[in-house]
Amino acid sequence: LRLSCAASGFALRYYAIGWFRQAPGKEREGVSCISSG
């Protein structure tokens, strides 16, 4: 699968972005992230 994260109201290039996930009964966990710049 390919997930998309579309931004509005700001330019994503100037932001660090994280992907997280949360399964039932579990804490939210970091999956991946991408730095700005």
ModelCIF file with pLDDT and N, C-alpha, C, O atoms, coordinates in Angstrom:
data_MODEL
#
_entry.id   MODEL 
#
_entity.id                         1 
_entity.type                       polymer 
_entity.pdbx_number_of_molecules   1 
#
_entity_poly.entity_id                      1 
_entity_poly.type                           'polypeptide(L)' 
_entity_poly.nstd_linkage                   no 
_entity_poly.nstd_monomer                   no 
_entity_poly.pdbx_seq_one_letter_code       LRLSCAASGFALRYYAIGWFRQAPGKEREGVSCISSG 
_entity_poly.pdbx_seq_one_letter_code_can   LRLSCAASGFALRYYAIGWFRQAPGKEREGVSCISSG 
_entity_poly.pdbx_strand_id                 A 
#
loop_
_entity_poly_seq.entity_id 
_entity_poly_seq.num 
_entity_poly_seq.mon_id 
_entity_poly_seq.hetero 
1 1  LEU n 
1 2  ARG n 
1 3  LEU n 
1 4  SER n 
1 5  CYS n 
1 6  ALA n 
1 7  ALA n 
1 8  SER n 
1 9  GLY n 
1 10 PHE n 
1 11 ALA n 
1 12 LEU n 
1 13 ARG n 
1 14 TYR n 
1 15 TYR n 
1 16 ALA n 
1 17 ILE n 
1 18 GLY n 
1 19 TRP n 
1 20 PHE n 
1 21 ARG n 
1 22 GLN n 
1 23 ALA n 
1 24 PRO n 
1 25 GLY n 
1 26 LYS n 
1 27 GLU n 
1 28 ARG n 
1 29 GLU n 
1 30 GLY n 
1 31 VAL n 
1 32 SER n 
1 33 CYS n 
1 34 ILE n 
1 35 SER n 
1 36 SER n 
1 37 GLY n 
#
_struct_asym.id          A 
_struct_asym.entity_id   1 
#
loop_
_ma_qa_metric.id 
_ma_qa_metric.mode 
_ma_qa_metric.name 
_ma_qa_metric.software_group_id 
_ma_qa_metric.type 
1 global pLDDT . pLDDT 
2 local  pLDDT . pLDDT 
#
_ma_qa_metric_global.metric_id      1 
_ma_qa_metric_global.metric_value   95.27 
_ma_qa_metric_global.model_id       1 
_ma_qa_metric_global.ordinal_id     1 
#
loop_
_ma_qa_metric_local.label_asym_id 
_ma_qa_metric_local.label_comp_id 
_ma_qa_metric_local.label_seq_id 
_ma_qa_metric_local.metric_id 
_ma_qa_metric_local.metric_value 
_ma_qa_metric_local.model_id 
_ma_qa_metric_local.ordinal_id 
A LEU 1  2 98.00 1 1  
A ARG 2  2 98.00 1 2  
A LEU 3  2 98.00 1 3  
A SER 4  2 98.00 1 4  
A CYS 5  2 98.00 1 5  
A ALA 6  2 97.00 1 6  
A ALA 7  2 95.00 1 7  
A SER 8  2 94.00 1 8  
A GLY 9  2 93.00 1 9  
A PHE 10 2 91.00 1 10 
A ALA 11 2 92.00 1 11 
A LEU 12 2 90.00 1 12 
A ARG 13 2 90.00 1 13 
A TYR 14 2 93.00 1 14 
A TYR 15 2 94.00 1 15 
A ALA 16 2 95.00 1 16 
A ILE 17 2 96.00 1 17 
A GLY 18 2 97.00 1 18 
A TRP 19 2 98.00 1 19 
A PHE 20 2 98.00 1 20 
A ARG 21 2 98.00 1 21 
A GLN 22 2 98.00 1 22 
A ALA 23 2 97.00 1 23 
A PRO 24 2 92.00 1 24 
A GLY 25 2 95.00 1 25 
A LYS 26 2 96.00 1 26 
A GLU 27 2 96.00 1 27 
A ARG 28 2 97.00 1 28 
A GLU 29 2 97.00 1 29 
A GLY 30 2 97.00 1 30 
A VAL 31 2 98.00 1 31 
A SER 32 2 98.00 1 32 
A CYS 33 2 97.00 1 33 
A ILE 34 2 96.00 1 34 
A SER 35 2 94.00 1 35 
A SER 36 2 92.00 1 36 
A GLY 37 2 84.00 1 37 
#
loop_
_atom_site.group_PDB 
_atom_site.id 
_atom_site.type_symbol 
_atom_site.label_atom_id 
_atom_site.label_alt_id 
_atom_site.label_comp_id 
_atom_site.label_asym_id 
_atom_site.label_entity_id 
_atom_site.label_seq_id 
_atom_site.pdbx_PDB_ins_code 
_atom_site.Cartn_x 
_atom_site.Cartn_y 
_atom_site.Cartn_z 
_atom_site.occupancy 
_atom_site.B_iso_or_equiv 
_atom_site.pdbx_formal_charge 
_atom_site.auth_seq_id 
_atom_site.auth_comp_id 
_atom_site.auth_asym_id 
_atom_site.auth_atom_id 
_atom_site.pdbx_PDB_model_num 
ATOM 1   N N  . LEU A 1 1  ? 0.861  -1.183 0.000  1.00 98.00 ? 1  LEU A N  1 
ATOM 2   C CA . LEU A 1 1  ? 0.000  0.000  0.000  1.00 98.00 ? 1  LEU A CA 1 
ATOM 3   C C  . LEU A 1 1  ? 0.896  1.232  0.000  1.00 98.00 ? 1  LEU A C  1 
ATOM 4   O O  . LEU A 1 1  ? 2.031  1.193  0.475  1.00 98.00 ? 1  LEU A O  1 
ATOM 5   N N  . ARG A 1 2  ? 0.375  2.306  -0.533 1.00 98.00 ? 2  ARG A N  1 
ATOM 6   C CA . ARG A 1 2  ? 1.073  3.576  -0.433 1.00 98.00 ? 2  ARG A CA 1 
ATOM 7   C C  . ARG A 1 2  ? 0.157  4.595  0.225  1.00 98.00 ? 2  ARG A C  1 
ATOM 8   O O  . ARG A 1 2  ? -0.892 4.951  -0.311 1.00 98.00 ? 2  ARG A O  1 
ATOM 9   N N  . LEU A 1 3  ? 0.571  5.051  1.386  1.00 98.00 ? 3  LEU A N  1 
ATOM 10  C CA . LEU A 1 3  ? -0.173 6.096  2.082  1.00 98.00 ? 3  LEU A CA 1 
ATOM 11  C C  . LEU A 1 3  ? 0.322  7.461  1.627  1.00 98.00 ? 3  LEU A C  1 
ATOM 12  O O  . LEU A 1 3  ? 1.503  7.653  1.337  1.00 98.00 ? 3  LEU A O  1 
ATOM 13  N N  . SER A 1 4  ? -0.611 8.402  1.574  1.00 98.00 ? 4  SER A N  1 
ATOM 14  C CA . SER A 1 4  ? -0.282 9.782  1.261  1.00 98.00 ? 4  SER A CA 1 
ATOM 15  C C  . SER A 1 4  ? -0.665 10.664 2.434  1.00 98.00 ? 4  SER A C  1 
ATOM 16  O O  . SER A 1 4  ? -1.641 10.405 3.137  1.00 98.00 ? 4  SER A O  1 
ATOM 17  N N  . CYS A 1 5  ? 0.110  11.694 2.627  1.00 98.00 ? 5  CYS A N  1 
ATOM 18  C CA . CYS A 1 5  ? -0.175 12.705 3.651  1.00 98.00 ? 5  CYS A CA 1 
ATOM 19  C C  . CYS A 1 5  ? -0.120 14.043 2.933  1.00 98.00 ? 5  CYS A C  1 
ATOM 20  O O  . CYS A 1 5  ? 0.958  14.565 2.648  1.00 98.00 ? 5  CYS A O  1 
ATOM 21  N N  . ALA A 1 6  ? -1.293 14.592 2.643  1.00 97.00 ? 6  ALA A N  1 
ATOM 22  C CA . ALA A 1 6  ? -1.383 15.848 1.906  1.00 97.00 ? 6  ALA A CA 1 
ATOM 23  C C  . ALA A 1 6  ? -1.572 16.999 2.878  1.00 97.00 ? 6  ALA A C  1 
ATOM 24  O O  . ALA A 1 6  ? -2.381 16.930 3.803  1.00 97.00 ? 6  ALA A O  1 
ATOM 25  N N  . ALA A 1 7  ? -0.813 18.053 2.649  1.00 95.00 ? 7  ALA A N  1 
ATOM 26  C CA . ALA A 1 7  ? -0.869 19.209 3.535  1.00 95.00 ? 7  ALA A CA 1 
ATOM 27  C C  . ALA A 1 7  ? -1.584 20.372 2.863  1.00 95.00 ? 7  ALA A C  1 
ATOM 28  O O  . ALA A 1 7  ? -1.484 20.570 1.652  1.00 95.00 ? 7  ALA A O  1 
ATOM 29  N N  . SER A 1 8  ? -2.296 21.126 3.661  1.00 94.00 ? 8  SER A N  1 
ATOM 30  C CA . SER A 1 8  ? -2.889 22.378 3.197  1.00 94.00 ? 8  SER A CA 1 
ATOM 31  C C  . SER A 1 8  ? -2.649 23.440 4.257  1.00 94.00 ? 8  SER A C  1 
ATOM 32  O O  . SER A 1 8  ? -2.625 23.149 5.453  1.00 94.00 ? 8  SER A O  1 
ATOM 33  N N  . GLY A 1 9  ? -2.472 24.671 3.802  1.00 93.00 ? 9  GLY A N  1 
ATOM 34  C CA . GLY A 1 9  ? -2.250 25.763 4.737  1.00 93.00 ? 9  GLY A CA 1 
ATOM 35  C C  . GLY A 1 9  ? -0.792 26.012 5.067  1.00 93.00 ? 9  GLY A C  1 
ATOM 36  O O  . GLY A 1 9  ? -0.468 26.986 5.747  1.00 93.00 ? 9  GLY A O  1 
ATOM 37  N N  . PHE A 1 10 ? 0.103  25.135 4.590  1.00 91.00 ? 10 PHE A N  1 
ATOM 38  C CA . PHE A 1 10 ? 1.531  25.338 4.814  1.00 91.00 ? 10 PHE A CA 1 
ATOM 39  C C  . PHE A 1 10 ? 2.312  24.503 3.815  1.00 91.00 ? 10 PHE A C  1 
ATOM 40  O O  . PHE A 1 10 ? 1.763  23.586 3.204  1.00 91.00 ? 10 PHE A O  1 
ATOM 41  N N  . ALA A 1 11 ? 3.586  24.814 3.646  1.00 92.00 ? 11 ALA A N  1 
ATOM 42  C CA . ALA A 1 11 ? 4.451  24.094 2.712  1.00 92.00 ? 11 ALA A CA 1 
ATOM 43  C C  . ALA A 1 11 ? 5.202  23.005 3.452  1.00 92.00 ? 11 ALA A C  1 
ATOM 44  O O  . ALA A 1 11 ? 6.001  23.278 4.348  1.00 92.00 ? 11 ALA A O  1 
ATOM 45  N N  . LEU A 1 12 ? 4.932  21.759 3.063  1.00 90.00 ? 12 LEU A N  1 
ATOM 46  C CA . LEU A 1 12 ? 5.528  20.629 3.757  1.00 90.00 ? 12 LEU A CA 1 
ATOM 47  C C  . LEU A 1 12 ? 7.052  20.622 3.711  1.00 90.00 ? 12 LEU A C  1 
ATOM 48  O O  . LEU A 1 12 ? 7.688  20.072 4.611  1.00 90.00 ? 12 LEU A O  1 
ATOM 49  N N  . ARG A 1 13 ? 7.640  21.210 2.700  1.00 90.00 ? 13 ARG A N  1 
ATOM 50  C CA . ARG A 1 13 ? 9.090  21.168 2.557  1.00 90.00 ? 13 ARG A CA 1 
ATOM 51  C C  . ARG A 1 13 ? 9.813  21.802 3.740  1.00 90.00 ? 13 ARG A C  1 
ATOM 52  O O  . ARG A 1 13 ? 10.981 21.507 3.993  1.00 90.00 ? 13 ARG A O  1 
ATOM 53  N N  . TYR A 1 14 ? 9.115  22.671 4.461  1.00 93.00 ? 14 TYR A N  1 
ATOM 54  C CA . TYR A 1 14 ? 9.725  23.344 5.600  1.00 93.00 ? 14 TYR A CA 1 
ATOM 55  C C  . TYR A 1 14 ? 9.409  22.655 6.925  1.00 93.00 ? 14 TYR A C  1 
ATOM 56  O O  . TYR A 1 14 ? 9.675  23.203 7.994  1.00 93.00 ? 14 TYR A O  1 
ATOM 57  N N  . TYR A 1 15 ? 8.843  21.456 6.850  1.00 94.00 ? 15 TYR A N  1 
ATOM 58  C CA . TYR A 1 15 ? 8.432  20.743 8.035  1.00 94.00 ? 15 TYR A CA 1 
ATOM 59  C C  . TYR A 1 15 ? 9.066  19.346 8.087  1.00 94.00 ? 15 TYR A C  1 
ATOM 60  O O  . TYR A 1 15 ? 9.241  18.694 7.058  1.00 94.00 ? 15 TYR A O  1 
ATOM 61  N N  . ALA A 1 16 ? 9.397  18.914 9.270  1.00 95.00 ? 16 ALA A N  1 
ATOM 62  C CA . ALA A 1 16 ? 9.733  17.516 9.472  1.00 95.00 ? 16 ALA A CA 1 
ATOM 63  C C  . ALA A 1 16 ? 8.428  16.746 9.624  1.00 95.00 ? 16 ALA A C  1 
ATOM 64  O O  . ALA A 1 16 ? 7.503  17.201 10.298 1.00 95.00 ? 16 ALA A O  1 
ATOM 65  N N  . ILE A 1 17 ? 8.360  15.579 8.994  1.00 96.00 ? 17 ILE A N  1 
ATOM 66  C CA . ILE A 1 17 ? 7.131  14.789 8.966  1.00 96.00 ? 17 ILE A CA 1 
ATOM 67  C C  . ILE A 1 17 ? 7.375  13.422 9.582  1.00 96.00 ? 17 ILE A C  1 
ATOM 68  O O  . ILE A 1 17 ? 8.380  12.768 9.302  1.00 96.00 ? 17 ILE A O  1 
ATOM 69  N N  . GLY A 1 18 ? 6.460  13.008 10.409 1.00 97.00 ? 18 GLY A N  1 
ATOM 70  C CA . GLY A 1 18 ? 6.538  11.683 11.003 1.00 97.00 ? 18 GLY A CA 1 
ATOM 71  C C  . GLY A 1 18 ? 5.337  10.841 10.625 1.00 97.00 ? 18 GLY A C  1 
ATOM 72  O O  . GLY A 1 18 ? 4.232  11.352 10.443 1.00 97.00 ? 18 GLY A O  1 
ATOM 73  N N  . TRP A 1 19 ? 5.569  9.544  10.511 1.00 98.00 ? 19 TRP A N  1 
ATOM 74  C CA . TRP A 1 19 ? 4.495  8.564  10.349 1.00 98.00 ? 19 TRP A CA 1 
ATOM 75  C C  . TRP A 1 19 ? 4.420  7.729  11.618 1.00 98.00 ? 19 TRP A C  1 
ATOM 76  O O  . TRP A 1 19 ? 5.432  7.213  12.093 1.00 98.00 ? 19 TRP A O  1 
ATOM 77  N N  . PHE A 1 20 ? 3.233  7.602  12.156 1.00 98.00 ? 20 PHE A N  1 
ATOM 78  C CA . PHE A 1 20 ? 3.004  6.836  13.370 1.00 98.00 ? 20 PHE A CA 1 
ATOM 79  C C  . PHE A 1 20 ? 1.861  5.858  13.118 1.00 98.00 ? 20 PHE A C  1 
ATOM 80  O O  . PHE A 1 20 ? 1.094  6.001  12.165 1.00 98.00 ? 20 PHE A O  1 
ATOM 81  N N  . ARG A 1 21 ? 1.768  4.873  13.985 1.00 98.00 ? 21 ARG A N  1 
ATOM 82  C CA . ARG A 1 21 ? 0.637  3.954  13.891 1.00 98.00 ? 21 ARG A CA 1 
ATOM 83  C C  . ARG A 1 21 ? 0.207  3.532  15.287 1.00 98.00 ? 21 ARG A C  1 
ATOM 84  O O  . ARG A 1 21 ? 0.988  3.559  16.237 1.00 98.00 ? 21 ARG A O  1 
ATOM 85  N N  . GLN A 1 22 ? -1.054 3.143  15.382 1.00 98.00 ? 22 GLN A N  1 
ATOM 86  C CA . GLN A 1 22 ? -1.585 2.701  16.655 1.00 98.00 ? 22 GLN A CA 1 
ATOM 87  C C  . GLN A 1 22 ? -2.527 1.531  16.415 1.00 98.00 ? 22 GLN A C  1 
ATOM 88  O O  . GLN A 1 22 ? -3.550 1.662  15.742 1.00 98.00 ? 22 GLN A O  1 
ATOM 89  N N  . ALA A 1 23 ? -2.167 0.401  16.971 1.00 97.00 ? 23 ALA A N  1 
ATOM 90  C CA . ALA A 1 23 ? -2.997 -0.790 16.895 1.00 97.00 ? 23 ALA A CA 1 
ATOM 91  C C  . ALA A 1 23 ? -3.913 -0.835 18.112 1.00 97.00 ? 23 ALA A C  1 
ATOM 92  O O  . ALA A 1 23 ? -3.601 -0.216 19.130 1.00 97.00 ? 23 ALA A O  1 
ATOM 93  N N  . PRO A 1 24 ? -5.029 -1.548 18.037 1.00 92.00 ? 24 PRO A N  1 
ATOM 94  C CA . PRO A 1 24 ? -5.950 -1.620 19.172 1.00 92.00 ? 24 PRO A CA 1 
ATOM 95  C C  . PRO A 1 24 ? -5.255 -2.112 20.433 1.00 92.00 ? 24 PRO A C  1 
ATOM 96  O O  . PRO A 1 24 ? -4.558 -3.127 20.419 1.00 92.00 ? 24 PRO A O  1 
ATOM 97  N N  . GLY A 1 25 ? -5.451 -1.389 21.509 1.00 95.00 ? 25 GLY A N  1 
ATOM 98  C CA . GLY A 1 25 ? -4.867 -1.777 22.783 1.00 95.00 ? 25 GLY A CA 1 
ATOM 99  C C  . GLY A 1 25 ? -3.394 -1.489 22.944 1.00 95.00 ? 25 GLY A C  1 
ATOM 100 O O  . GLY A 1 25 ? -2.798 -1.859 23.956 1.00 95.00 ? 25 GLY A O  1 
ATOM 101 N N  . LYS A 1 26 ? -2.793 -0.836 21.964 1.00 96.00 ? 26 LYS A N  1 
ATOM 102 C CA . LYS A 1 26 ? -1.363 -0.535 22.024 1.00 96.00 ? 26 LYS A CA 1 
ATOM 103 C C  . LYS A 1 26 ? -1.130 0.969  21.964 1.00 96.00 ? 26 LYS A C  1 
ATOM 104 O O  . LYS A 1 26 ? -1.996 1.737  21.545 1.00 96.00 ? 26 LYS A O  1 
ATOM 105 N N  . GLU A 1 27 ? 0.057  1.366  22.392 1.00 96.00 ? 27 GLU A N  1 
ATOM 106 C CA . GLU A 1 27 ? 0.419  2.770  22.314 1.00 96.00 ? 27 GLU A CA 1 
ATOM 107 C C  . GLU A 1 27 ? 0.777  3.159  20.872 1.00 96.00 ? 27 GLU A C  1 
ATOM 108 O O  . GLU A 1 27 ? 1.147  2.322  20.049 1.00 96.00 ? 27 GLU A O  1 
ATOM 109 N N  . ARG A 1 28 ? 0.654  4.443  20.610 1.00 97.00 ? 28 ARG A N  1 
ATOM 110 C CA . ARG A 1 28 ? 1.062  4.945  19.302 1.00 97.00 ? 28 ARG A CA 1 
ATOM 111 C C  . ARG A 1 28 ? 2.586  4.834  19.171 1.00 97.00 ? 28 ARG A C  1 
ATOM 112 O O  . ARG A 1 28 ? 3.324  5.199  20.086 1.00 97.00 ? 28 ARG A O  1 
ATOM 113 N N  . GLU A 1 29 ? 3.039  4.334  18.042 1.00 97.00 ? 29 GLU A N  1 
ATOM 114 C CA . GLU A 1 29 ? 4.468  4.139  17.846 1.00 97.00 ? 29 GLU A CA 1 
ATOM 115 C C  . GLU A 1 29 ? 4.948  4.796  16.565 1.00 97.00 ? 29 GLU A C  1 
ATOM 116 O O  . GLU A 1 29 ? 4.205  4.907  15.590 1.00 97.00 ? 29 GLU A O  1 
ATOM 117 N N  . GLY A 1 30 ? 6.199  5.229  16.582 1.00 97.00 ? 30 GLY A N  1 
ATOM 118 C CA . GLY A 1 30 ? 6.787  5.817  15.393 1.00 97.00 ? 30 GLY A CA 1 
ATOM 119 C C  . GLY A 1 30 ? 7.135  4.753  14.371 1.00 97.00 ? 30 GLY A C  1 
ATOM 120 O O  . GLY A 1 30 ? 7.666  3.698  14.720 1.00 97.00 ? 30 GLY A O  1 
ATOM 121 N N  . VAL A 1 31 ? 6.842  5.024  13.129 1.00 98.00 ? 31 VAL A N  1 
ATOM 122 C CA . VAL A 1 31 ? 7.117  4.095  12.031 1.00 98.00 ? 31 VAL A CA 1 
ATOM 123 C C  . VAL A 1 31 ? 8.259  4.614  11.176 1.00 98.00 ? 31 VAL A C  1 
ATOM 124 O O  . VAL A 1 31 ? 9.196  3.883  10.852 1.00 98.00 ? 31 VAL A O  1 
ATOM 125 N N  . SER A 1 32 ? 8.168  5.893  10.814 1.00 98.00 ? 32 SER A N  1 
ATOM 126 C CA . SER A 1 32 ? 9.169  6.486  9.942  1.00 98.00 ? 32 SER A CA 1 
ATOM 127 C C  . SER A 1 32 ? 9.059  7.994  10.062 1.00 98.00 ? 32 SER A C  1 
ATOM 128 O O  . SER A 1 32 ? 8.048  8.521  10.526 1.00 98.00 ? 32 SER A O  1 
ATOM 129 N N  . CYS A 1 33 ? 10.105 8.678  9.644  1.00 97.00 ? 33 CYS A N  1 
ATOM 130 C CA . CYS A 1 33 ? 10.023 10.135 9.565  1.00 97.00 ? 33 CYS A CA 1 
ATOM 131 C C  . CYS A 1 33 ? 10.987 10.635 8.503  1.00 97.00 ? 33 CYS A C  1 
ATOM 132 O O  . CYS A 1 33 ? 11.929 9.946  8.110  1.00 97.00 ? 33 CYS A O  1 
ATOM 133 N N  . ILE A 1 34 ? 10.721 11.863 8.047  1.00 96.00 ? 34 ILE A N  1 
ATOM 134 C CA . ILE A 1 34 ? 11.567 12.485 7.034  1.00 96.00 ? 34 ILE A CA 1 
ATOM 135 C C  . ILE A 1 34 ? 11.830 13.920 7.455  1.00 96.00 ? 34 ILE A C  1 
ATOM 136 O O  . ILE A 1 34 ? 10.916 14.664 7.812  1.00 96.00 ? 34 ILE A O  1 
ATOM 137 N N  . SER A 1 35 ? 13.099 14.287 7.402  1.00 94.00 ? 35 SER A N  1 
ATOM 138 C CA . SER A 1 35 ? 13.504 15.612 7.856  1.00 94.00 ? 35 SER A CA 1 
ATOM 139 C C  . SER A 1 35 ? 13.229 16.666 6.796  1.00 94.00 ? 35 SER A C  1 
ATOM 140 O O  . SER A 1 35 ? 13.201 16.353 5.605  1.00 94.00 ? 35 SER A O  1 
ATOM 141 N N  . SER A 1 36 ? 13.027 17.902 7.211  1.00 92.00 ? 36 SER A N  1 
ATOM 142 C CA . SER A 1 36 ? 12.965 19.008 6.258  1.00 92.00 ? 36 SER A CA 1 
ATOM 143 C C  . SER A 1 36 ? 14.394 19.287 5.781  1.00 92.00 ? 36 SER A C  1 
ATOM 144 O O  . SER A 1 36 ? 15.363 18.853 6.403  1.00 92.00 ? 36 SER A O  1 
ATOM 145 N N  . GLY A 1 37 ? 14.505 20.000 4.694  1.00 84.00 ? 37 GLY A N  1 
ATOM 146 C CA . GLY A 1 37 ? 15.839 20.310 4.186  1.00 84.00 ? 37 GLY A CA 1 
ATOM 147 C C  . GLY A 1 37 ? 16.430 19.153 3.399  1.00 84.00 ? 37 GLY A C  1 
ATOM 148 O O  . GLY A 1 37 ? 17.552 19.254 2.902  1.00 84.00 ? 37 GLY A O  1 
#
